[in-house]
Amino acid sequence: MSTLPEQPNVFVLGSGSWGTALAALLVPKAAKVTIYGRDDRSLEAINSSHTNPHYLPGITLPAALRATKNIAEAAEADLILFVVPSAATDSVARELAAVNLKPGAVLLSCAKGIERDTGRRMSEIITAHHPDKAVAVFSGPTHAEEVARNLATCAVVGTTDDDLAIALQHFFTTPHFRSYRSDDIAGIELGGALKNVFAIAAGCAKGLGLGDNAISALVTRGLAEMTRLGTRLGGQPETFMGLSGVGDLVTTCYSEHSRNHRVGLALGRGKTLQEAQDALGMVAEGVPNTLSIHQAAHRVGVRSPLIDAAYAILYEDKAASDVLRELLTRRPRSESD
């Protein structure tokens, strides 16, 4: 059993948009919040002008928020948030393992992805390096830009420890941010990872000039595919009907804030993947996730036409228009199939 102090010391691994937004959200409820990162410009801006202009332009951050390049400062933390890109989770978890953490420190995974080749979820990677620590997950339709502006948002905390779930739910609840709890760690993580792939596909459809009918169909069939693969990989069906499933899927497939949607939009308009990523200037998790999730789907033998389509566009250099034509001309089948 694990829990948190009433006002915990929080250490956020990752100084990007989501890490910064979460850190700012928690400042009023924590004894101390520190962001760890490697980007000197972002860290300097957080400390000197209380901004992070590259990742959250136009947002003023709490003056009490502090940034550091010294991961050893995590030794003071009661709660440590992993908000680095999914591809960096293993290396950062390994680096953190060299720090003498508090015995009761809680590790919270906030990244959305699964590992290439192994298919490990982020919580599994963190647990492998920290087997003696409580590891929970956090996900949902949570665009950093909106959280940082105190716009109403909901998310879900995942852990099998009831006391910890309640403590985290309470801590991540403010007048504008509402948290729910669940014991389906796998389902929460898989929903957050899978939706990234469908967001790229939705962006491609938008870039091709397709209308709401096509994009709504894509989102609906994406949910069916998410549930089919997610349950095979260990998630519970009802989780994919919740915040980390359909909630995050709808938000990221339609929103201009979605990095994955913006990458897909550029691809649909004829840009190369490199051009799309260069224009974005940040990590779009759906790009590496498409590869790792395509591997996972084929490893367990789950039919995944939309994931296959996104993979063909990103990794087989197929034109989005040709892939769409192939999708629409597949053999007809029952909607429940």
C-alpha atoms as a PDB file:
ATOM      1  CA  MET A   1       0.000   0.000   0.000  1.00  0.00           C
ATOM      2  CA  SER A   2       1.263   3.466  -0.906  1.00  0.00           C
ATOM      3  CA  THR A   3      -0.051   6.971  -0.442  1.00  0.00           C
ATOM      4  CA  LEU A   4       1.083  10.590  -0.650  1.00  0.00           C
ATOM      5  CA  PRO A   5       1.627  13.388   1.858  1.00  0.00           C
ATOM      6  CA  GLU A   6      -1.105  16.031   1.848  1.00  0.00           C
ATOM      7  CA  GLN A   7       1.305  18.397   0.079  1.00  0.00           C
ATOM      8  CA  PRO A   8       3.914  16.259  -1.674  1.00  0.00           C
ATOM      9  CA  ASN A   9       7.237  17.307  -3.121  1.00  0.00           C
ATOM     10  CA  VAL A  10       6.825  16.757  -6.893  1.00  0.00           C
ATOM     11  CA  PHE A  11       9.554  16.136  -9.473  1.00  0.00           C
ATOM     12  CA  VAL A  12       8.545  16.244 -13.148  1.00  0.00           C
ATOM     13  CA  LEU A  13      10.785  14.446 -15.642  1.00  0.00           C
ATOM     14  CA  GLY A  14      10.329  16.344 -18.897  1.00  0.00           C
ATOM     15  CA  SER A  15      10.234  20.068 -19.688  1.00  0.00           C
ATOM     16  CA  GLY A  16       8.103  19.867 -22.830  1.00  0.00           C
ATOM     17  CA  SER A  17       4.555  21.172 -23.150  1.00  0.00           C
ATOM     18  CA  TRP A  18       2.819  18.402 -21.177  1.00  0.00           C
ATOM     19  CA  GLY A  19       5.443  18.234 -18.448  1.00  0.00           C
ATOM     20  CA  THR A  20       5.334  22.001 -18.017  1.00  0.00           C
ATOM     21  CA  ALA A  21       1.528  22.120 -18.000  1.00  0.00           C
ATOM     22  CA  LEU A  22       1.294  19.356 -15.383  1.00  0.00           C
ATOM     23  CA  ALA A  23       3.924  21.006 -13.226  1.00  0.00           C
ATOM     24  CA  ALA A  24       2.037  24.320 -13.345  1.00  0.00           C
ATOM     25  CA  LEU A  25      -1.242  22.541 -12.532  1.00  0.00           C
ATOM     26  CA  LEU A  26       0.236  20.986  -9.390  1.00  0.00           C
ATOM     27  CA  VAL A  27       2.066  23.998  -7.933  1.00  0.00           C
ATOM     28  CA  PRO A  28      -0.909  25.180  -5.793  1.00  0.00           C
ATOM     29  CA  LYS A  29      -1.328  21.726  -4.244  1.00  0.00           C
ATOM     30  CA  ALA A  30       2.317  20.727  -3.715  1.00  0.00           C
ATOM     31  CA  ALA A  31       4.973  21.679  -1.211  1.00  0.00           C
ATOM     32  CA  LYS A  32       7.408  22.064  -4.095  1.00  0.00           C
ATOM     33  CA  VAL A  33       7.392  21.343  -7.845  1.00  0.00           C
ATOM     34  CA  THR A  34      10.602  20.955  -9.858  1.00  0.00           C
ATOM     35  CA  ILE A  35      10.892  20.270 -13.591  1.00  0.00           C
ATOM     36  CA  TYR A  36      13.849  18.266 -14.864  1.00  0.00           C
ATOM     37  CA  GLY A  37      14.951  18.712 -18.477  1.00  0.00           C
ATOM     38  CA  ARG A  38      17.909  18.959 -20.831  1.00  0.00           C
ATOM     39  CA  ASP A  39      16.910  21.911 -22.987  1.00  0.00           C
ATOM     40  CA  ASP A  40      18.894  24.829 -21.605  1.00  0.00           C
ATOM     41  CA  ARG A  41      16.666  27.449 -23.250  1.00  0.00           C
ATOM     42  CA  SER A  42      13.472  26.030 -21.756  1.00  0.00           C
ATOM     43  CA  LEU A  43      14.964  25.596 -18.296  1.00  0.00           C
ATOM     44  CA  GLU A  44      16.381  29.122 -18.297  1.00  0.00           C
ATOM     45  CA  ALA A  45      13.051  30.589 -19.416  1.00  0.00           C
ATOM     46  CA  ILE A  46      11.130  28.695 -16.715  1.00  0.00           C
ATOM     47  CA  ASN A  47      13.477  29.963 -14.006  1.00  0.00           C
ATOM     48  CA  SER A  48      14.027  33.526 -15.215  1.00  0.00           C
ATOM     49  CA  SER A  49      10.817  34.658 -16.921  1.00  0.00           C
ATOM     50  CA  HIS A  50       8.346  31.984 -15.746  1.00  0.00           C
ATOM     51  CA  THR A  51       7.589  30.965 -19.333  1.00  0.00           C
ATOM     52  CA  ASN A  52       8.375  28.098 -21.697  1.00  0.00           C
ATOM     53  CA  PRO A  53       7.987  29.935 -25.019  1.00  0.00           C
ATOM     54  CA  HIS A  54       8.939  27.088 -27.347  1.00  0.00           C
ATOM     55  CA  TYR A  55       6.450  24.603 -25.886  1.00  0.00           C
ATOM     56  CA  LEU A  56       3.767  26.802 -24.296  1.00  0.00           C
ATOM     57  CA  PRO A  57       3.922  30.221 -25.952  1.00  0.00           C
ATOM     58  CA  GLY A  58       1.890  32.954 -24.299  1.00  0.00           C
ATOM     59  CA  ILE A  59       1.550  31.114 -20.968  1.00  0.00           C
ATOM     60  CA  THR A  60       2.783  32.610 -17.699  1.00  0.00           C
ATOM     61  CA  LEU A  61       3.911  29.902 -15.290  1.00  0.00           C
ATOM     62  CA  PRO A  62       3.715  30.020 -11.479  1.00  0.00           C
ATOM     63  CA  ALA A  63       6.657  31.846  -9.946  1.00  0.00           C
ATOM     64  CA  ALA A  64       7.184  28.971  -7.497  1.00  0.00           C
ATOM     65  CA  LEU A  65       7.871  26.509 -10.325  1.00  0.00           C
ATOM     66  CA  ARG A  66      11.570  25.716 -10.687  1.00  0.00           C
ATOM     67  CA  ALA A  67      13.575  23.894 -13.378  1.00  0.00           C
ATOM     68  CA  THR A  68      16.811  21.901 -13.074  1.00  0.00           C
ATOM     69  CA  LYS A  69      19.224  19.753 -15.098  1.00  0.00           C
ATOM     70  CA  ASN A  70      20.177  17.758 -12.010  1.00  0.00           C
ATOM     71  CA  ILE A  71      18.164  14.525 -11.832  1.00  0.00           C
ATOM     72  CA  ALA A  72      19.666  13.825  -8.393  1.00  0.00           C
ATOM     73  CA  GLU A  73      17.196  16.365  -6.978  1.00  0.00           C
ATOM     74  CA  ALA A  74      14.543  13.680  -7.436  1.00  0.00           C
ATOM     75  CA  ALA A  75      15.869  12.200  -4.200  1.00  0.00           C
ATOM     76  CA  GLU A  76      13.691  14.712  -2.303  1.00  0.00           C
ATOM     77  CA  ALA A  77      10.479  13.878  -4.177  1.00  0.00           C
ATOM     78  CA  ASP A  78       7.386  12.075  -2.917  1.00  0.00           C
ATOM     79  CA  LEU A  79       5.873  11.930  -6.417  1.00  0.00           C
ATOM     80  CA  ILE A  80       7.862  11.655  -9.661  1.00  0.00           C
ATOM     81  CA  LEU A  81       6.115  12.170 -12.993  1.00  0.00           C
ATOM     82  CA  PHE A  82       7.512  10.608 -16.169  1.00  0.00           C
ATOM     83  CA  VAL A  83       6.597  13.067 -18.925  1.00  0.00           C
ATOM     84  CA  VAL A  84       9.413  12.367 -21.382  1.00  0.00           C
ATOM     85  CA  PRO A  85       8.788  11.001 -24.905  1.00  0.00           C
ATOM     86  CA  SER A  86       7.972   7.292 -24.776  1.00  0.00           C
ATOM     87  CA  ALA A  87      11.185   6.420 -26.637  1.00  0.00           C
ATOM     88  CA  ALA A  88      13.198   8.047 -23.822  1.00  0.00           C
ATOM     89  CA  THR A  89      11.364   6.387 -20.914  1.00  0.00           C
ATOM     90  CA  ASP A  90      13.749   3.444 -20.620  1.00  0.00           C
ATOM     91  CA  SER A  91      16.909   5.580 -20.543  1.00  0.00           C
ATOM     92  CA  VAL A  92      15.427   8.107 -18.094  1.00  0.00           C
ATOM     93  CA  ALA A  93      14.099   5.345 -15.809  1.00  0.00           C
ATOM     94  CA  ARG A  94      17.567   3.792 -15.825  1.00  0.00           C
ATOM     95  CA  GLU A  95      19.157   7.159 -15.021  1.00  0.00           C
ATOM     96  CA  LEU A  96      16.700   7.710 -12.182  1.00  0.00           C
ATOM     97  CA  ALA A  97      17.555   4.288 -10.739  1.00  0.00           C
ATOM     98  CA  ALA A  98      20.977   5.674  -9.814  1.00  0.00           C
ATOM     99  CA  VAL A  99      19.308   8.253  -7.548  1.00  0.00           C
ATOM    100  CA  ASN A 100      18.653   7.356  -3.910  1.00  0.00           C
ATOM    101  CA  LEU A 101      14.884   7.913  -3.993  1.00  0.00           C
ATOM    102  CA  LYS A 102      12.672   8.095  -0.925  1.00  0.00           C
ATOM    103  CA  PRO A 103      11.446   4.607   0.104  1.00  0.00           C
ATOM    104  CA  GLY A 104       7.802   5.621  -0.395  1.00  0.00           C
ATOM    105  CA  ALA A 105       8.279   7.644  -3.570  1.00  0.00           C
ATOM    106  CA  VAL A 106       5.511   7.104  -6.146  1.00  0.00           C
ATOM    107  CA  LEU A 107       6.309   7.007  -9.875  1.00  0.00           C
ATOM    108  CA  LEU A 108       3.584   8.180 -12.263  1.00  0.00           C
ATOM    109  CA  SER A 109       3.779   7.496 -16.004  1.00  0.00           C
ATOM    110  CA  CYS A 110       2.219  10.259 -18.115  1.00  0.00           C
ATOM    111  CA  ALA A 111       3.676   9.280 -21.520  1.00  0.00           C
ATOM    112  CA  LYS A 112       1.594   7.648 -24.271  1.00  0.00           C
ATOM    113  CA  GLY A 113       3.304   4.873 -26.187  1.00  0.00           C
ATOM    114  CA  ILE A 114       4.596   1.324 -26.226  1.00  0.00           C
ATOM    115  CA  GLU A 115       8.172   0.222 -26.745  1.00  0.00           C
ATOM    116  CA  ARG A 116       9.422  -0.794 -30.163  1.00  0.00           C
ATOM    117  CA  ASP A 117      10.189  -4.519 -30.615  1.00  0.00           C
ATOM    118  CA  THR A 118       9.268  -5.528 -27.037  1.00  0.00           C
ATOM    119  CA  GLY A 119       5.753  -4.013 -26.918  1.00  0.00           C
ATOM    120  CA  ARG A 120       6.297  -3.059 -23.268  1.00  0.00           C
ATOM    121  CA  ARG A 121       4.034  -0.368 -21.852  1.00  0.00           C
ATOM    122  CA  MET A 122       5.623   2.619 -20.114  1.00  0.00           C
ATOM    123  CA  SER A 123       4.661   1.418 -16.624  1.00  0.00           C
ATOM    124  CA  GLU A 124       6.304  -1.942 -17.343  1.00  0.00           C
ATOM    125  CA  ILE A 125       9.520  -0.203 -18.383  1.00  0.00           C
ATOM    126  CA  ILE A 126       9.529   1.970 -15.254  1.00  0.00           C
ATOM    127  CA  THR A 127       8.771  -1.001 -12.983  1.00  0.00           C
ATOM    128  CA  ALA A 128      11.642  -2.985 -14.511  1.00  0.00           C
ATOM    129  CA  HIS A 129      14.092  -0.321 -13.281  1.00  0.00           C
ATOM    130  CA  HIS A 130      12.236   0.429 -10.020  1.00  0.00           C
ATOM    131  CA  PRO A 131      10.732  -2.876  -8.825  1.00  0.00           C
ATOM    132  CA  ASP A 132      10.418  -1.648  -5.233  1.00  0.00           C
ATOM    133  CA  LYS A 133       8.377   1.460  -6.105  1.00  0.00           C
ATOM    134  CA  ALA A 134       4.653   2.022  -6.607  1.00  0.00           C
ATOM    135  CA  VAL A 135       4.052   2.810 -10.297  1.00  0.00           C
ATOM    136  CA  ALA A 136       0.787   4.349 -11.510  1.00  0.00           C
ATOM    137  CA  VAL A 137      -0.381   5.788 -14.843  1.00  0.00           C
ATOM    138  CA  PHE A 138      -2.195   8.951 -15.900  1.00  0.00           C
ATOM    139  CA  SER A 139      -3.971   9.616 -19.197  1.00  0.00           C
ATOM    140  CA  GLY A 140      -6.958  11.154 -20.949  1.00  0.00           C
ATOM    141  CA  PRO A 141      -7.937  13.942 -23.374  1.00  0.00           C
ATOM    142  CA  THR A 142      -5.489  16.446 -21.918  1.00  0.00           C
ATOM    143  CA  HIS A 143      -4.002  18.877 -24.416  1.00  0.00           C
ATOM    144  CA  ALA A 144      -1.243  20.731 -22.602  1.00  0.00           C
ATOM    145  CA  GLU A 145      -2.218  24.067 -24.130  1.00  0.00           C
ATOM    146  CA  GLU A 146      -5.684  23.876 -22.585  1.00  0.00           C
ATOM    147  CA  VAL A 147      -4.557  22.556 -19.200  1.00  0.00           C
ATOM    148  CA  ALA A 148      -2.019  25.390 -18.993  1.00  0.00           C
ATOM    149  CA  ARG A 149      -4.825  27.889 -19.628  1.00  0.00           C
ATOM    150  CA  ASN A 150      -6.989  26.381 -16.862  1.00  0.00           C
ATOM    151  CA  LEU A 151      -9.641  25.148 -19.281  1.00  0.00           C
ATOM    152  CA  ALA A 152     -11.892  22.372 -17.958  1.00  0.00           C
ATOM    153  CA  THR A 153     -10.237  18.971 -18.343  1.00  0.00           C
ATOM    154  CA  CYS A 154     -10.762  15.387 -17.126  1.00  0.00           C
ATOM    155  CA  ALA A 155      -8.253  12.535 -16.862  1.00  0.00           C
ATOM    156  CA  VAL A 156      -7.962   9.075 -15.320  1.00  0.00           C
ATOM    157  CA  VAL A 157      -5.455   7.680 -12.813  1.00  0.00           C
ATOM    158  CA  GLY A 158      -4.607   3.988 -13.077  1.00  0.00           C
ATOM    159  CA  THR A 159      -3.304   1.799 -10.249  1.00  0.00           C
ATOM    160  CA  THR A 160      -4.344  -1.408  -8.505  1.00  0.00           C
ATOM    161  CA  ASP A 161      -3.596   0.166  -5.103  1.00  0.00           C
ATOM    162  CA  ASP A 162      -6.902   1.642  -3.900  1.00  0.00           C
ATOM    163  CA  ASP A 163      -5.345   3.965  -1.311  1.00  0.00           C
ATOM    164  CA  LEU A 164      -2.877   5.336  -3.832  1.00  0.00           C
ATOM    165  CA  ALA A 165      -5.610   5.731  -6.455  1.00  0.00           C
ATOM    166  CA  ILE A 166      -7.677   7.863  -4.087  1.00  0.00           C
ATOM    167  CA  ALA A 167      -4.662   9.932  -3.029  1.00  0.00           C
ATOM    168  CA  LEU A 168      -3.627  10.610  -6.647  1.00  0.00           C
ATOM    169  CA  GLN A 169      -7.213  11.349  -7.679  1.00  0.00           C
ATOM    170  CA  HIS A 170      -7.490  13.895  -4.887  1.00  0.00           C
ATOM    171  CA  PHE A 171      -4.147  15.468  -5.741  1.00  0.00           C
ATOM    172  CA  PHE A 172      -5.003  15.773  -9.448  1.00  0.00           C
ATOM    173  CA  THR A 173      -8.343  17.440  -8.800  1.00  0.00           C
ATOM    174  CA  THR A 174      -8.681  21.231  -8.928  1.00  0.00           C
ATOM    175  CA  PRO A 175     -11.566  23.604  -9.713  1.00  0.00           C
ATOM    176  CA  HIS A 176     -10.828  23.153 -13.436  1.00  0.00           C
ATOM    177  CA  PHE A 177      -9.255  19.666 -13.540  1.00  0.00           C
ATOM    178  CA  ARG A 178     -11.237  16.558 -12.564  1.00  0.00           C
ATOM    179  CA  SER A 179      -9.661  13.107 -12.162  1.00  0.00           C
ATOM    180  CA  TYR A 180     -11.232   9.654 -12.162  1.00  0.00           C
ATOM    181  CA  ARG A 181      -9.618   6.389 -11.111  1.00  0.00           C
ATOM    182  CA  SER A 182      -9.368   2.867 -12.539  1.00  0.00           C
ATOM    183  CA  ASP A 183      -7.467  -0.342 -11.837  1.00  0.00           C
ATOM    184  CA  ASP A 184      -7.049  -1.134 -15.556  1.00  0.00           C
ATOM    185  CA  ILE A 185      -3.469   0.042 -16.012  1.00  0.00           C
ATOM    186  CA  ALA A 186      -3.012  -1.804 -19.315  1.00  0.00           C
ATOM    187  CA  GLY A 187      -6.209  -0.433 -20.838  1.00  0.00           C
ATOM    188  CA  ILE A 188      -5.399   3.149 -19.865  1.00  0.00           C
ATOM    189  CA  GLU A 189      -1.909   2.962 -21.351  1.00  0.00           C
ATOM    190  CA  LEU A 190      -2.982   1.162 -24.517  1.00  0.00           C
ATOM    191  CA  GLY A 191      -5.782   3.632 -25.210  1.00  0.00           C
ATOM    192  CA  GLY A 192      -3.360   6.533 -24.887  1.00  0.00           C
ATOM    193  CA  ALA A 193      -0.850   4.903 -27.225  1.00  0.00           C
ATOM    194  CA  LEU A 194      -3.241   3.584 -29.876  1.00  0.00           C
ATOM    195  CA  LYS A 195      -5.132   6.846 -30.348  1.00  0.00           C
ATOM    196  CA  ASN A 196      -1.924   8.488 -31.615  1.00  0.00           C
ATOM    197  CA  VAL A 197      -1.939   6.291 -34.713  1.00  0.00           C
ATOM    198  CA  PHE A 198      -5.549   7.093 -35.556  1.00  0.00           C
ATOM    199  CA  ALA A 199      -4.878  10.806 -35.043  1.00  0.00           C
ATOM    200  CA  ILE A 200      -2.285  10.693 -37.812  1.00  0.00           C
ATOM    201  CA  ALA A 201      -4.784   8.914 -40.057  1.00  0.00           C
ATOM    202  CA  ALA A 202      -7.447  11.522 -39.267  1.00  0.00           C
ATOM    203  CA  GLY A 203      -5.011  14.303 -40.050  1.00  0.00           C
ATOM    204  CA  CYS A 204      -4.220  12.644 -43.387  1.00  0.00           C
ATOM    205  CA  ALA A 205      -7.947  12.511 -44.204  1.00  0.00           C
ATOM    206  CA  LYS A 206      -8.300  16.194 -43.359  1.00  0.00           C
ATOM    207  CA  GLY A 207      -5.261  17.047 -45.453  1.00  0.00           C
ATOM    208  CA  LEU A 208      -6.719  15.186 -48.419  1.00  0.00           C
ATOM    209  CA  GLY A 209      -9.756  17.453 -48.227  1.00  0.00           C
ATOM    210  CA  LEU A 210     -12.188  14.843 -46.957  1.00  0.00           C
ATOM    211  CA  GLY A 211     -15.217  15.950 -44.965  1.00  0.00           C
ATOM    212  CA  ASP A 212     -16.712  15.229 -41.597  1.00  0.00           C
ATOM    213  CA  ASN A 213     -18.375  12.034 -42.818  1.00  0.00           C
ATOM    214  CA  ALA A 214     -15.061  10.386 -43.634  1.00  0.00           C
ATOM    215  CA  ILE A 215     -13.281  11.542 -40.495  1.00  0.00           C
ATOM    216  CA  SER A 216     -16.167  10.463 -38.251  1.00  0.00           C
ATOM    217  CA  ALA A 217     -16.127   7.046 -39.920  1.00  0.00           C
ATOM    218  CA  LEU A 218     -12.376   6.840 -39.365  1.00  0.00           C
ATOM    219  CA  VAL A 219     -12.725   7.726 -35.676  1.00  0.00           C
ATOM    220  CA  THR A 220     -15.517   5.184 -35.214  1.00  0.00           C
ATOM    221  CA  ARG A 221     -13.635   2.377 -36.922  1.00  0.00           C
ATOM    222  CA  GLY A 222     -10.506   3.463 -35.063  1.00  0.00           C
ATOM    223  CA  LEU A 223     -12.336   2.930 -31.778  1.00  0.00           C
ATOM    224  CA  ALA A 224     -13.353  -0.560 -32.898  1.00  0.00           C
ATOM    225  CA  GLU A 225      -9.756  -1.330 -33.840  1.00  0.00           C
ATOM    226  CA  MET A 226      -8.433   0.173 -30.590  1.00  0.00           C
ATOM    227  CA  THR A 227     -10.791  -2.028 -28.566  1.00  0.00           C
ATOM    228  CA  ARG A 228     -10.041  -5.154 -30.599  1.00  0.00           C
ATOM    229  CA  LEU A 229      -6.263  -4.817 -30.235  1.00  0.00           C
ATOM    230  CA  GLY A 230      -6.302  -3.267 -26.761  1.00  0.00           C
ATOM    231  CA  THR A 231      -8.286  -6.110 -25.222  1.00  0.00           C
ATOM    232  CA  ARG A 232      -6.014  -8.686 -26.865  1.00  0.00           C
ATOM    233  CA  LEU A 233      -3.046  -6.908 -25.260  1.00  0.00           C
ATOM    234  CA  GLY A 234      -4.598  -6.996 -21.783  1.00  0.00           C
ATOM    235  CA  GLY A 235      -6.957  -4.030 -21.476  1.00  0.00           C
ATOM    236  CA  GLN A 236     -10.587  -4.205 -20.346  1.00  0.00           C
ATOM    237  CA  PRO A 237     -13.219  -3.371 -23.019  1.00  0.00           C
ATOM    238  CA  GLU A 238     -14.967  -0.740 -20.906  1.00  0.00           C
ATOM    239  CA  THR A 239     -11.727   1.231 -20.478  1.00  0.00           C
ATOM    240  CA  PHE A 240     -11.666   1.995 -24.200  1.00  0.00           C
ATOM    241  CA  MET A 241     -15.116   3.587 -23.819  1.00  0.00           C
ATOM    242  CA  GLY A 242     -13.681   5.943 -21.205  1.00  0.00           C
ATOM    243  CA  LEU A 243     -11.431   8.986 -20.995  1.00  0.00           C
ATOM    244  CA  SER A 244      -8.206   7.264 -22.022  1.00  0.00           C
ATOM    245  CA  GLY A 245      -9.947   5.561 -24.952  1.00  0.00           C
ATOM    246  CA  VAL A 246     -12.734   7.260 -26.861  1.00  0.00           C
ATOM    247  CA  GLY A 247     -12.220  10.523 -24.945  1.00  0.00           C
ATOM    248  CA  ASP A 248      -8.595  10.908 -25.979  1.00  0.00           C
ATOM    249  CA  LEU A 249      -9.319   9.503 -29.447  1.00  0.00           C
ATOM    250  CA  VAL A 250     -11.931  12.131 -30.284  1.00  0.00           C
ATOM    251  CA  THR A 251      -9.842  14.999 -28.945  1.00  0.00           C
ATOM    252  CA  THR A 252      -6.649  14.081 -30.736  1.00  0.00           C
ATOM    253  CA  CYS A 253      -8.320  13.203 -34.045  1.00  0.00           C
ATOM    254  CA  TYR A 254     -10.067  16.572 -34.361  1.00  0.00           C
ATOM    255  CA  SER A 255      -8.016  19.129 -32.433  1.00  0.00           C
ATOM    256  CA  GLU A 256      -5.565  21.607 -33.903  1.00  0.00           C
ATOM    257  CA  HIS A 257      -3.487  21.140 -30.737  1.00  0.00           C
ATOM    258  CA  SER A 258      -2.781  17.473 -31.582  1.00  0.00           C
ATOM    259  CA  ARG A 259       0.770  17.010 -32.826  1.00  0.00           C
ATOM    260  CA  ASN A 260      -0.171  13.703 -34.434  1.00  0.00           C
ATOM    261  CA  HIS A 261      -3.112  15.280 -36.242  1.00  0.00           C
ATOM    262  CA  ARG A 262      -0.842  18.046 -37.532  1.00  0.00           C
ATOM    263  CA  VAL A 263       1.700  15.533 -38.849  1.00  0.00           C
ATOM    264  CA  GLY A 264      -1.089  13.658 -40.639  1.00  0.00           C
ATOM    265  CA  LEU A 265      -2.475  16.911 -42.013  1.00  0.00           C
ATOM    266  CA  ALA A 266       0.893  17.741 -43.576  1.00  0.00           C
ATOM    267  CA  LEU A 267       1.221  14.240 -45.029  1.00  0.00           C
ATOM    268  CA  GLY A 268      -2.258  14.454 -46.541  1.00  0.00           C
ATOM    269  CA  ARG A 269      -1.250  17.730 -48.191  1.00  0.00           C
ATOM    270  CA  GLY A 270       1.722  16.081 -49.853  1.00  0.00           C
ATOM    271  CA  LYS A 271       4.550  16.832 -47.424  1.00  0.00           C
ATOM    272  CA  THR A 272       7.159  14.215 -46.625  1.00  0.00           C
ATOM    273  CA  LEU A 273       7.353  12.791 -43.103  1.00  0.00           C
ATOM    274  CA  GLN A 274      10.608  14.654 -42.524  1.00  0.00           C
ATOM    275  CA  GLU A 275       9.058  17.922 -43.664  1.00  0.00           C
ATOM    276  CA  ALA A 276       6.051  17.347 -41.411  1.00  0.00           C
ATOM    277  CA  GLN A 277       8.206  16.632 -38.370  1.00  0.00           C
ATOM    278  CA  ASP A 278      10.543  19.552 -39.038  1.00  0.00           C
ATOM    279  CA  ALA A 279       7.583  21.935 -39.241  1.00  0.00           C
ATOM    280  CA  LEU A 280       6.183  20.579 -35.980  1.00  0.00           C
ATOM    281  CA  GLY A 281       9.422  21.074 -34.052  1.00  0.00           C
ATOM    282  CA  MET A 282       8.323  18.653 -31.307  1.00  0.00           C
ATOM    283  CA  VAL A 283       7.887  14.911 -30.848  1.00  0.00           C
ATOM    284  CA  ALA A 284       4.701  13.444 -32.346  1.00  0.00           C
ATOM    285  CA  GLU A 285       4.344  10.170 -30.427  1.00  0.00           C
ATOM    286  CA  GLY A 286       2.220   8.644 -33.185  1.00  0.00           C
ATOM    287  CA  VAL A 287       5.199   8.364 -35.526  1.00  0.00           C
ATOM    288  CA  PRO A 288       7.272   5.892 -33.471  1.00  0.00           C
ATOM    289  CA  ASN A 289       4.069   4.435 -31.975  1.00  0.00           C
ATOM    290  CA  THR A 290       2.771   3.461 -35.410  1.00  0.00           C
ATOM    291  CA  LEU A 291       5.802   1.226 -35.841  1.00  0.00           C
ATOM    292  CA  SER A 292       5.636  -0.347 -32.371  1.00  0.00           C
ATOM    293  CA  ILE A 293       1.843  -0.787 -32.487  1.00  0.00           C
ATOM    294  CA  HIS A 294       1.958  -2.242 -36.007  1.00  0.00           C
ATOM    295  CA  GLN A 295       4.470  -4.769 -34.657  1.00  0.00           C
ATOM    296  CA  ALA A 296       2.225  -5.572 -31.688  1.00  0.00           C
ATOM    297  CA  ALA A 297      -0.893  -6.057 -33.828  1.00  0.00           C
ATOM    298  CA  HIS A 298       0.847  -8.478 -36.156  1.00  0.00           C
ATOM    299  CA  ARG A 299       2.541 -10.272 -33.274  1.00  0.00           C
ATOM    300  CA  VAL A 300      -0.815 -11.157 -31.705  1.00  0.00           C
ATOM    301  CA  GLY A 301      -2.631 -11.646 -35.023  1.00  0.00           C
ATOM    302  CA  VAL A 302      -5.239  -8.863 -34.676  1.00  0.00           C
ATOM    303  CA  ARG A 303      -6.781  -7.409 -37.845  1.00  0.00           C
ATOM    304  CA  SER A 304      -5.755  -3.739 -37.950  1.00  0.00           C
ATOM    305  CA  PRO A 305      -6.503  -2.039 -41.290  1.00  0.00           C
ATOM    306  CA  LEU A 306      -6.172   1.544 -40.028  1.00  0.00           C
ATOM    307  CA  ILE A 307      -2.918   0.849 -38.208  1.00  0.00           C
ATOM    308  CA  ASP A 308      -1.647  -0.893 -41.348  1.00  0.00           C
ATOM    309  CA  ALA A 309      -2.691   2.132 -43.407  1.00  0.00           C
ATOM    310  CA  ALA A 310      -0.838   4.575 -41.158  1.00  0.00           C
ATOM    311  CA  TYR A 311       2.202   2.303 -41.229  1.00  0.00           C
ATOM    312  CA  ALA A 312       2.138   2.214 -45.032  1.00  0.00           C
ATOM    313  CA  ILE A 313       2.089   6.015 -45.209  1.00  0.00           C
ATOM    314  CA  LEU A 314       4.819   6.548 -42.597  1.00  0.00           C
ATOM    315  CA  TYR A 315       7.148   3.618 -43.225  1.00  0.00           C
ATOM    316  CA  GLU A 316       6.460   2.311 -46.731  1.00  0.00           C
ATOM    317  CA  ASP A 317       6.297   5.746 -48.386  1.00  0.00           C
ATOM    318  CA  LYS A 318       2.830   5.159 -49.828  1.00  0.00           C
ATOM    319  CA  ALA A 319       0.738   8.159 -50.835  1.00  0.00           C
ATOM    320  CA  ALA A 320      -2.099   8.898 -48.417  1.00  0.00           C
ATOM    321  CA  SER A 321      -4.572   9.068 -51.316  1.00  0.00           C
ATOM    322  CA  ASP A 322      -3.610   5.578 -52.513  1.00  0.00           C
ATOM    323  CA  VAL A 323      -3.873   4.134 -49.011  1.00  0.00           C
ATOM    324  CA  LEU A 324      -7.322   5.680 -48.581  1.00  0.00           C
ATOM    325  CA  ARG A 325      -8.496   4.112 -51.828  1.00  0.00           C
ATOM    326  CA  GLU A 326      -7.290   0.712 -50.635  1.00  0.00           C
ATOM    327  CA  LEU A 327      -9.156   1.145 -47.341  1.00  0.00           C
ATOM    328  CA  LEU A 328     -12.438   2.026 -49.025  1.00  0.00           C
ATOM    329  CA  THR A 329     -12.295  -0.819 -51.529  1.00  0.00           C
ATOM    330  CA  ARG A 330     -11.625  -3.633 -49.051  1.00  0.00           C
ATOM    331  CA  ARG A 331     -14.029  -6.560 -48.936  1.00  0.00           C
ATOM    332  CA  PRO A 332     -17.328  -5.539 -47.231  1.00  0.00           C
ATOM    333  CA  ARG A 333     -17.932  -7.003 -43.765  1.00  0.00           C
ATOM    334  CA  SER A 334     -20.287  -6.782 -40.807  1.00  0.00           C
ATOM    335  CA  GLU A 335     -19.872  -3.693 -38.625  1.00  0.00           C
ATOM    336  CA  SER A 336     -19.508  -5.888 -35.559  1.00  0.00           C
ATOM    337  CA  ASP A 337     -16.712  -7.923 -37.151  1.00  0.00           C
END
